[in-house]
Protein backbone atom coordinates (compact mmCIF):
# COMPACT_ATOMS: atom_id res chain seq x y z
CA UNK A 1 0.57 4.58 -11.16
CA UNK A 2 1.70 7.82 -9.60
CA UNK A 3 1.47 7.90 -5.83
CA UNK A 4 -0.98 10.40 -4.33
CA UNK A 5 0.64 13.24 -2.37
CA UNK A 6 -1.77 12.80 0.56
CA UNK A 7 -0.79 9.81 2.70
CA UNK A 8 -4.37 8.97 3.72
CA UNK A 9 -5.45 8.89 0.08
CA UNK A 10 -2.42 6.68 -0.61
CA UNK A 11 -3.62 4.30 2.12
CA UNK A 12 -7.07 4.13 0.55
CA UNK A 13 -5.78 3.63 -3.00
CA UNK A 14 -3.27 0.95 -2.01
CA UNK A 15 -5.72 -1.01 0.15
CA UNK A 16 -8.38 -0.84 -2.59
CA UNK A 17 -5.94 -2.12 -5.21
CA UNK A 18 -4.78 -4.89 -2.86
CA UNK A 19 -8.38 -5.92 -2.24
CA UNK A 20 -9.56 -5.75 -5.86
CA UNK A 21 -6.56 -6.43 -8.09
CA UNK A 22 -3.47 -7.87 -6.39
CA UNK A 23 -2.66 -10.83 -4.17
CA UNK A 24 0.34 -9.18 -2.49
CA UNK A 25 2.01 -5.83 -1.92
CA UNK A 26 5.04 -6.97 -3.91
CA UNK A 27 2.82 -7.81 -6.91
CA UNK A 28 1.15 -4.39 -6.71
CA UNK A 29 4.50 -2.57 -6.58
CA UNK A 30 5.97 -4.59 -9.44
CA UNK A 31 2.96 -4.24 -11.75
CA UNK A 32 2.27 -0.59 -10.95
CA UNK A 33 5.96 0.42 -11.05
CA UNK A 34 5.98 1.97 -7.58
CA UNK A 35 8.44 1.75 -4.72
CA UNK A 36 7.58 -0.72 -1.95
CA UNK A 37 9.99 1.14 0.32
CA UNK A 38 8.26 4.49 -0.28
CA UNK A 39 4.75 3.10 0.27
CA UNK A 40 5.74 1.28 3.46
CA UNK A 41 7.67 4.28 4.75
CA UNK A 42 4.84 6.71 4.22
CA UNK A 43 2.14 4.43 5.62
CA UNK A 44 4.28 3.27 8.55
CA UNK A 45 4.67 6.96 9.49
CA UNK A 46 0.86 7.10 9.78
CA UNK A 47 0.85 4.07 12.07
CA UNK A 48 -0.10 1.44 9.48
CA UNK A 49 1.79 -1.75 8.64
CA UNK A 50 1.28 -4.23 5.84
CA UNK A 51 -0.42 -7.39 7.14
CA UNK A 52 0.13 -10.18 4.59
CA UNK A 53 -2.54 -12.37 6.18
CA UNK A 54 -5.12 -9.68 5.27
CA UNK A 55 -3.28 -8.38 2.19
CA UNK A 56 -3.87 -4.88 3.51
CA UNK A 57 -2.33 -2.12 5.57
CA UNK A 58 -3.73 -2.23 9.11
CA UNK A 59 -3.41 0.18 12.02
CA UNK A 60 -0.85 -0.91 14.61
């Protein structure tokens, strides 16, 4: 998977994949071949953090 350039689209794509296909962010990153550090960095800059209990990025 190539990461979308727009961070809000990235948020939507990642949360949809977490909801529909993957049980954790680590599993998504491993199977899709994307950087966990890059995803977290970009979404944290928007004010979102990964919440494992919801398996989604949530606004902080």
